[in-house]
Amino acid sequence: MATPSNTKLNRTGGEESGSRTDTAKENYHAIKLSNPDGSIAFSRIHKRADVTAAVMLETADSEHAFFLDKDGGRKGTTTSISPQRYSVECGKTMKEAEDAMMLFAHNGNIIIRAPNGTIRMEATNIEMVTKGNDTTRGNIKLDASQSIFLDADKNFVVNCKNSNMVSSGTCSMAANSAMTIYGSMIRGVTDACSVKNSKNNNQKTQKTFNQTGSPVER
């Protein structure tokens, strides 16, 4: 995380930075314009003396800041810090079908975290698309510590080549009007075949689900 600037422009960055090191940043061409409310500086060194900010914009207490770092462990990194709300508004004069905002990463992950809050996505339509080029990628994973709720006013459609629904406890299916179950072959297996196998070798199916919980890896 970015830190307040090193006002001394030395290799130690102040008492909290420790002893002088050869890797600490140092320069003599930094400039700064400030007043009691805030400042803008160029080539300022962060407090730990490990990174130089090409541009540093911050309030007097450094809690509200914007950094364009140029070297060290954050070379080419842009950091924005806000103690309160951070808002982005755009697209007011655009049409509905146009792309008003893009968040694009050439390489690496995009992480959105709210450890003490809720992430909400609201739109006329929401599309989630993956484009992996082998069997290990192109997946969408939903992992909840409690429950996953899917609620649609009209249709809930699942279309795939292979499908598995597994529960370690109770699994229920209900339809208040009519339920249709179709398969070229339908097999019903209970734990009774674990004692004595059936003529259709249902014991194999019973062992598969009891050992792994699912015939497909997550």
C-alpha atoms as a PDB file:
ATOM      1  CA  MET A   1       0.000   0.000   0.000  1.00  0.00           C
ATOM      2  CA  ALA A   2       1.218   3.489  -0.776  1.00  0.00           C
ATOM      3  CA  THR A   3       2.400   5.627   2.131  1.00  0.00           C
ATOM      4  CA  PRO A   4       2.741   9.354   2.796  1.00  0.00           C
ATOM      5  CA  SER A   5       5.635  11.139   1.166  1.00  0.00           C
ATOM      6  CA  ASN A   6       9.185  11.320   2.464  1.00  0.00           C
ATOM      7  CA  THR A   7       9.484  15.030   3.133  1.00  0.00           C
ATOM      8  CA  LYS A   8      13.245  14.831   3.784  1.00  0.00           C
ATOM      9  CA  LEU A   9      14.053  13.253   0.398  1.00  0.00           C
ATOM     10  CA  ASN A  10      16.713  11.110   2.049  1.00  0.00           C
ATOM     11  CA  ARG A  11      17.531   7.415   1.857  1.00  0.00           C
ATOM     12  CA  THR A  12      15.968   6.507   5.194  1.00  0.00           C
ATOM     13  CA  GLY A  13      12.607   8.200   4.713  1.00  0.00           C
ATOM     14  CA  GLY A  14      12.444   9.169   8.388  1.00  0.00           C
ATOM     15  CA  GLU A  15      12.615   7.329  11.695  1.00  0.00           C
ATOM     16  CA  GLU A  16       9.975   4.702  10.734  1.00  0.00           C
ATOM     17  CA  SER A  17      11.904   3.559   7.681  1.00  0.00           C
ATOM     18  CA  GLY A  18      14.862   2.050   9.516  1.00  0.00           C
ATOM     19  CA  SER A  19      18.533   2.411   8.675  1.00  0.00           C
ATOM     20  CA  ARG A  20      19.972   3.742   5.457  1.00  0.00           C
ATOM     21  CA  THR A  21      20.001   1.215   2.604  1.00  0.00           C
ATOM     22  CA  ASP A  22      21.441   1.191  -0.894  1.00  0.00           C
ATOM     23  CA  THR A  23      18.055   0.257  -2.379  1.00  0.00           C
ATOM     24  CA  ALA A  24      16.202   3.213  -0.841  1.00  0.00           C
ATOM     25  CA  LYS A  25      15.179   5.853  -3.355  1.00  0.00           C
ATOM     26  CA  GLU A  26      16.881   9.230  -3.544  1.00  0.00           C
ATOM     27  CA  ASN A  27      16.557  12.233  -5.817  1.00  0.00           C
ATOM     28  CA  TYR A  28      17.117  15.996  -5.709  1.00  0.00           C
ATOM     29  CA  HIS A  29      14.686  17.208  -8.357  1.00  0.00           C
ATOM     30  CA  ALA A  30      11.327  16.730  -6.598  1.00  0.00           C
ATOM     31  CA  ILE A  31       8.972  19.700  -6.496  1.00  0.00           C
ATOM     32  CA  LYS A  32       5.851  20.287  -4.410  1.00  0.00           C
ATOM     33  CA  LEU A  33       3.013  22.814  -4.352  1.00  0.00           C
ATOM     34  CA  SER A  34       0.862  22.824  -1.240  1.00  0.00           C
ATOM     35  CA  ASN A  35      -1.416  24.702   1.154  1.00  0.00           C
ATOM     36  CA  PRO A  36      -2.985  23.720   4.508  1.00  0.00           C
ATOM     37  CA  ASP A  37      -5.580  21.517   2.761  1.00  0.00           C
ATOM     38  CA  GLY A  38      -3.479  19.460   0.377  1.00  0.00           C
ATOM     39  CA  SER A  39      -0.544  19.181  -2.000  1.00  0.00           C
ATOM     40  CA  ILE A  40       0.572  18.048  -5.427  1.00  0.00           C
ATOM     41  CA  ALA A  41       4.148  16.875  -5.908  1.00  0.00           C
ATOM     42  CA  PHE A  42       6.347  15.388  -8.617  1.00  0.00           C
ATOM     43  CA  SER A  43       9.119  12.826  -8.000  1.00  0.00           C
ATOM     44  CA  ARG A  44       8.324  12.634  -4.298  1.00  0.00           C
ATOM     45  CA  ILE A  45       9.582   9.595  -2.350  1.00  0.00           C
ATOM     46  CA  HIS A  46       7.130   7.581  -0.259  1.00  0.00           C
ATOM     47  CA  LYS A  47       7.638   7.525   3.503  1.00  0.00           C
ATOM     48  CA  ARG A  48       9.336   4.113   3.499  1.00  0.00           C
ATOM     49  CA  ALA A  49      11.786   5.350   0.855  1.00  0.00           C
ATOM     50  CA  ASP A  50      11.101   2.281  -1.304  1.00  0.00           C
ATOM     51  CA  VAL A  51       9.123   3.890  -4.155  1.00  0.00           C
ATOM     52  CA  THR A  52       9.172   7.190  -6.024  1.00  0.00           C
ATOM     53  CA  ALA A  53       5.866   8.721  -7.063  1.00  0.00           C
ATOM     54  CA  ALA A  54       6.069  10.491 -10.416  1.00  0.00           C
ATOM     55  CA  VAL A  55       2.899  12.319  -9.365  1.00  0.00           C
ATOM     56  CA  MET A  56       1.545  12.483  -5.800  1.00  0.00           C
ATOM     57  CA  LEU A  57      -1.740  14.201  -4.974  1.00  0.00           C
ATOM     58  CA  GLU A  58      -2.833  14.099  -1.324  1.00  0.00           C
ATOM     59  CA  THR A  59      -4.694  15.881   1.448  1.00  0.00           C
ATOM     60  CA  ALA A  60      -2.889  17.271   4.478  1.00  0.00           C
ATOM     61  CA  ASP A  61      -3.383  14.065   6.495  1.00  0.00           C
ATOM     62  CA  SER A  62      -2.494  11.798   3.485  1.00  0.00           C
ATOM     63  CA  GLU A  63      -5.695   9.764   4.057  1.00  0.00           C
ATOM     64  CA  HIS A  64      -7.135  10.957   0.743  1.00  0.00           C
ATOM     65  CA  ALA A  65      -4.529  10.528  -1.990  1.00  0.00           C
ATOM     66  CA  PHE A  66      -3.670   9.617  -5.567  1.00  0.00           C
ATOM     67  CA  PHE A  67      -0.278   8.219  -6.616  1.00  0.00           C
ATOM     68  CA  LEU A  68       1.389   7.460  -9.951  1.00  0.00           C
ATOM     69  CA  ASP A  69       4.407   5.398  -8.872  1.00  0.00           C
ATOM     70  CA  LYS A  70       7.413   5.008 -11.182  1.00  0.00           C
ATOM     71  CA  ASP A  71       9.857   2.553  -9.588  1.00  0.00           C
ATOM     72  CA  GLY A  72      10.508   0.006  -6.841  1.00  0.00           C
ATOM     73  CA  GLY A  73       7.937  -2.685  -6.100  1.00  0.00           C
ATOM     74  CA  ARG A  74       5.115  -0.526  -7.506  1.00  0.00           C
ATOM     75  CA  LYS A  75       6.629   0.545 -10.817  1.00  0.00           C
ATOM     76  CA  GLY A  76       3.844   1.629 -13.174  1.00  0.00           C
ATOM     77  CA  THR A  77       1.210   1.367 -10.414  1.00  0.00           C
ATOM     78  CA  THR A  78      -1.682   3.791  -9.958  1.00  0.00           C
ATOM     79  CA  THR A  79      -3.131   4.001  -6.436  1.00  0.00           C
ATOM     80  CA  SER A  80      -6.225   5.885  -5.306  1.00  0.00           C
ATOM     81  CA  ILE A  81      -7.082   6.069  -1.587  1.00  0.00           C
ATOM     82  CA  SER A  82     -10.400   7.415  -0.273  1.00  0.00           C
ATOM     83  CA  PRO A  83     -11.493   7.355   3.392  1.00  0.00           C
ATOM     84  CA  GLN A  84     -15.108   7.686   2.269  1.00  0.00           C
ATOM     85  CA  ARG A  85     -17.076   7.026  -0.943  1.00  0.00           C
ATOM     86  CA  TYR A  86     -15.307   6.507  -4.282  1.00  0.00           C
ATOM     87  CA  SER A  87     -17.630   7.237  -7.219  1.00  0.00           C
ATOM     88  CA  VAL A  88     -17.236   6.972 -10.990  1.00  0.00           C
ATOM     89  CA  GLU A  89     -19.990   8.315 -13.251  1.00  0.00           C
ATOM     90  CA  CYS A  90     -19.993   8.182 -17.029  1.00  0.00           C
ATOM     91  CA  GLY A  91     -22.072   7.498 -20.157  1.00  0.00           C
ATOM     92  CA  LYS A  92     -24.725  10.192 -19.703  1.00  0.00           C
ATOM     93  CA  THR A  93     -24.756  11.121 -23.401  1.00  0.00           C
ATOM     94  CA  MET A  94     -24.243   7.591 -24.765  1.00  0.00           C
ATOM     95  CA  LYS A  95     -26.777   5.123 -26.150  1.00  0.00           C
ATOM     96  CA  GLU A  96     -27.867   1.956 -24.328  1.00  0.00           C
ATOM     97  CA  ALA A  97     -26.091  -0.447 -26.707  1.00  0.00           C
ATOM     98  CA  GLU A  98     -22.730   1.371 -26.482  1.00  0.00           C
ATOM     99  CA  ASP A  99     -19.914   0.494 -24.063  1.00  0.00           C
ATOM    100  CA  ALA A 100     -19.766   3.358 -21.564  1.00  0.00           C
ATOM    101  CA  MET A 101     -17.062   1.992 -19.239  1.00  0.00           C
ATOM    102  CA  MET A 102     -14.336  -0.598 -19.667  1.00  0.00           C
ATOM    103  CA  LEU A 103     -12.116  -2.233 -17.030  1.00  0.00           C
ATOM    104  CA  PHE A 104      -9.439  -4.123 -18.977  1.00  0.00           C
ATOM    105  CA  ALA A 105      -6.419  -6.067 -17.721  1.00  0.00           C
ATOM    106  CA  HIS A 106      -4.021  -7.339 -20.421  1.00  0.00           C
ATOM    107  CA  ASN A 107      -2.663  -9.949 -17.982  1.00  0.00           C
ATOM    108  CA  GLY A 108      -3.364 -10.905 -14.390  1.00  0.00           C
ATOM    109  CA  ASN A 109      -6.464 -11.069 -12.220  1.00  0.00           C
ATOM    110  CA  ILE A 110      -9.115  -8.472 -11.441  1.00  0.00           C
ATOM    111  CA  ILE A 111     -10.124  -8.566  -7.771  1.00  0.00           C
ATOM    112  CA  ILE A 112     -13.161  -6.806  -6.277  1.00  0.00           C
ATOM    113  CA  ARG A 113     -13.278  -7.158  -2.487  1.00  0.00           C
ATOM    114  CA  ALA A 114     -15.665  -5.914   0.188  1.00  0.00           C
ATOM    115  CA  PRO A 115     -14.693  -7.873   3.345  1.00  0.00           C
ATOM    116  CA  ASN A 116     -17.151  -5.919   5.487  1.00  0.00           C
ATOM    117  CA  GLY A 117     -19.866  -5.213   2.946  1.00  0.00           C
ATOM    118  CA  THR A 118     -21.933  -6.491   0.019  1.00  0.00           C
ATOM    119  CA  ILE A 119     -21.073  -6.464  -3.683  1.00  0.00           C
ATOM    120  CA  ARG A 120     -24.121  -5.649  -5.801  1.00  0.00           C
ATOM    121  CA  MET A 121     -24.430  -5.819  -9.585  1.00  0.00           C
ATOM    122  CA  GLU A 122     -27.497  -4.078 -11.022  1.00  0.00           C
ATOM    123  CA  ALA A 123     -28.311  -3.748 -14.724  1.00  0.00           C
ATOM    124  CA  THR A 124     -31.005  -4.345 -17.346  1.00  0.00           C
ATOM    125  CA  ASN A 125     -29.071  -7.503 -18.270  1.00  0.00           C
ATOM    126  CA  ILE A 126     -26.003  -9.167 -16.766  1.00  0.00           C
ATOM    127  CA  GLU A 127     -23.760 -11.380 -18.903  1.00  0.00           C
ATOM    128  CA  MET A 128     -20.914 -13.515 -17.554  1.00  0.00           C
ATOM    129  CA  VAL A 129     -18.745 -15.052 -20.295  1.00  0.00           C
ATOM    130  CA  THR A 130     -15.527 -17.091 -20.047  1.00  0.00           C
ATOM    131  CA  LYS A 131     -13.322 -17.975 -23.015  1.00  0.00           C
ATOM    132  CA  GLY A 132     -10.850 -20.602 -21.834  1.00  0.00           C
ATOM    133  CA  ASN A 133      -9.166 -22.545 -24.618  1.00  0.00           C
ATOM    134  CA  ASP A 134      -8.722 -25.876 -22.771  1.00  0.00           C
ATOM    135  CA  THR A 135     -10.487 -28.088 -20.241  1.00  0.00           C
ATOM    136  CA  THR A 136      -8.819 -26.429 -17.240  1.00  0.00           C
ATOM    137  CA  ARG A 137     -10.056 -22.921 -18.078  1.00  0.00           C
ATOM    138  CA  GLY A 138     -13.300 -21.314 -19.187  1.00  0.00           C
ATOM    139  CA  ASN A 139     -15.063 -22.017 -15.886  1.00  0.00           C
ATOM    140  CA  ILE A 140     -17.459 -20.017 -13.733  1.00  0.00           C
ATOM    141  CA  LYS A 141     -17.342 -20.962 -10.030  1.00  0.00           C
ATOM    142  CA  LEU A 142     -19.772 -19.897  -7.315  1.00  0.00           C
ATOM    143  CA  ASP A 143     -18.579 -20.807  -3.818  1.00  0.00           C
ATOM    144  CA  ALA A 144     -20.681 -19.756  -0.813  1.00  0.00           C
ATOM    145  CA  SER A 145     -20.025 -20.485   2.871  1.00  0.00           C
ATOM    146  CA  GLN A 146     -23.784 -20.650   3.439  1.00  0.00           C
ATOM    147  CA  SER A 147     -26.342 -20.594   0.603  1.00  0.00           C
ATOM    148  CA  ILE A 148     -26.738 -19.785  -3.077  1.00  0.00           C
ATOM    149  CA  PHE A 149     -30.186 -18.516  -4.103  1.00  0.00           C
ATOM    150  CA  LEU A 150     -31.313 -18.436  -7.734  1.00  0.00           C
ATOM    151  CA  ASP A 151     -34.696 -16.803  -8.300  1.00  0.00           C
ATOM    152  CA  ALA A 152     -36.231 -16.121 -11.718  1.00  0.00           C
ATOM    153  CA  ASP A 153     -39.760 -14.815 -12.414  1.00  0.00           C
ATOM    154  CA  LYS A 154     -40.092 -16.932 -15.561  1.00  0.00           C
ATOM    155  CA  ASN A 155     -37.532 -19.529 -16.644  1.00  0.00           C
ATOM    156  CA  PHE A 156     -34.427 -21.166 -15.205  1.00  0.00           C
ATOM    157  CA  VAL A 157     -32.635 -22.986 -18.022  1.00  0.00           C
ATOM    158  CA  VAL A 158     -29.467 -25.105 -17.780  1.00  0.00           C
ATOM    159  CA  ASN A 159     -27.979 -26.430 -21.011  1.00  0.00           C
ATOM    160  CA  CYS A 160     -24.762 -28.456 -21.000  1.00  0.00           C
ATOM    161  CA  LYS A 161     -23.245 -31.700 -22.301  1.00  0.00           C
ATOM    162  CA  ASN A 162     -22.929 -33.237 -18.826  1.00  0.00           C
ATOM    163  CA  SER A 163     -24.728 -32.276 -15.638  1.00  0.00           C
ATOM    164  CA  ASN A 164     -24.432 -33.412 -12.002  1.00  0.00           C
ATOM    165  CA  MET A 165     -26.448 -32.322  -8.965  1.00  0.00           C
ATOM    166  CA  VAL A 166     -24.967 -33.586  -5.701  1.00  0.00           C
ATOM    167  CA  SER A 167     -25.884 -33.048  -2.057  1.00  0.00           C
ATOM    168  CA  SER A 168     -24.166 -34.459   1.040  1.00  0.00           C
ATOM    169  CA  GLY A 169     -27.500 -34.177   2.837  1.00  0.00           C
ATOM    170  CA  THR A 170     -31.078 -33.972   1.600  1.00  0.00           C
ATOM    171  CA  CYS A 171     -31.900 -33.156  -2.018  1.00  0.00           C
ATOM    172  CA  SER A 172     -35.455 -32.262  -3.017  1.00  0.00           C
ATOM    173  CA  MET A 173     -37.133 -31.558  -6.351  1.00  0.00           C
ATOM    174  CA  ALA A 174     -40.665 -30.146  -6.500  1.00  0.00           C
ATOM    175  CA  ALA A 175     -43.043 -28.757  -9.108  1.00  0.00           C
ATOM    176  CA  ASN A 176     -46.372 -27.226  -8.090  1.00  0.00           C
ATOM    177  CA  SER A 177     -47.937 -27.986 -11.479  1.00  0.00           C
ATOM    178  CA  ALA A 178     -46.287 -30.784 -13.480  1.00  0.00           C
ATOM    179  CA  MET A 179     -42.828 -32.378 -13.506  1.00  0.00           C
ATOM    180  CA  THR A 180     -41.369 -34.170 -16.509  1.00  0.00           C
ATOM    181  CA  ILE A 181     -38.274 -36.328 -16.209  1.00  0.00           C
ATOM    182  CA  TYR A 182     -36.860 -37.809 -19.392  1.00  0.00           C
ATOM    183  CA  GLY A 183     -33.777 -39.849 -20.198  1.00  0.00           C
ATOM    184  CA  SER A 184     -32.860 -42.465 -22.757  1.00  0.00           C
ATOM    185  CA  MET A 185     -32.101 -44.519 -19.645  1.00  0.00           C
ATOM    186  CA  ILE A 186     -33.033 -43.670 -16.063  1.00  0.00           C
ATOM    187  CA  ARG A 187     -31.207 -45.419 -13.204  1.00  0.00           C
ATOM    188  CA  GLY A 188     -32.274 -45.247  -9.593  1.00  0.00           C
ATOM    189  CA  VAL A 189     -29.718 -46.504  -7.065  1.00  0.00           C
ATOM    190  CA  THR A 190     -29.928 -46.830  -3.264  1.00  0.00           C
ATOM    191  CA  ASP A 191     -27.440 -48.015  -0.634  1.00  0.00           C
ATOM    192  CA  ALA A 192     -29.213 -51.367  -0.565  1.00  0.00           C
ATOM    193  CA  CYS A 193     -27.002 -52.570  -3.435  1.00  0.00           C
ATOM    194  CA  SER A 194     -23.895 -52.072  -1.269  1.00  0.00           C
ATOM    195  CA  VAL A 195     -24.744 -55.364   0.465  1.00  0.00           C
ATOM    196  CA  LYS A 196     -25.802 -57.281  -2.617  1.00  0.00           C
ATOM    197  CA  ASN A 197     -25.111 -56.005  -6.095  1.00  0.00           C
ATOM    198  CA  SER A 198     -27.928 -55.782  -8.634  1.00  0.00           C
ATOM    199  CA  LYS A 199     -27.883 -57.372 -12.068  1.00  0.00           C
ATOM    200  CA  ASN A 200     -27.258 -53.912 -13.573  1.00  0.00           C
ATOM    201  CA  ASN A 201     -24.114 -53.469 -11.455  1.00  0.00           C
ATOM    202  CA  ASN A 202     -25.572 -50.504  -9.552  1.00  0.00           C
ATOM    203  CA  GLN A 203     -22.992 -51.113  -6.807  1.00  0.00           C
ATOM    204  CA  LYS A 204     -20.412 -49.330  -8.961  1.00  0.00           C
ATOM    205  CA  THR A 205     -22.580 -46.208  -9.062  1.00  0.00           C
ATOM    206  CA  GLN A 206     -23.209 -46.426  -5.328  1.00  0.00           C
ATOM    207  CA  LYS A 207     -19.477 -46.615  -4.537  1.00  0.00           C
ATOM    208  CA  THR A 208     -18.637 -43.735  -6.882  1.00  0.00           C
ATOM    209  CA  PHE A 209     -21.003 -41.305  -5.181  1.00  0.00           C
ATOM    210  CA  ASN A 210     -20.167 -42.451  -1.638  1.00  0.00           C
ATOM    211  CA  GLN A 211     -16.404 -42.165  -2.108  1.00  0.00           C
ATOM    212  CA  THR A 212     -16.199 -38.851  -3.960  1.00  0.00           C
ATOM    213  CA  GLY A 213     -19.603 -37.259  -3.478  1.00  0.00           C
ATOM    214  CA  SER A 214     -19.596 -36.462  -7.185  1.00  0.00           C
ATOM    215  CA  PRO A 215     -18.316 -38.171 -10.346  1.00  0.00           C
ATOM    216  CA  VAL A 216     -16.976 -34.841 -11.572  1.00  0.00           C
ATOM    217  CA  GLU A 217     -14.159 -32.775 -10.034  1.00  0.00           C
ATOM    218  CA  ARG A 218     -15.044 -29.196  -9.129  1.00  0.00           C
END
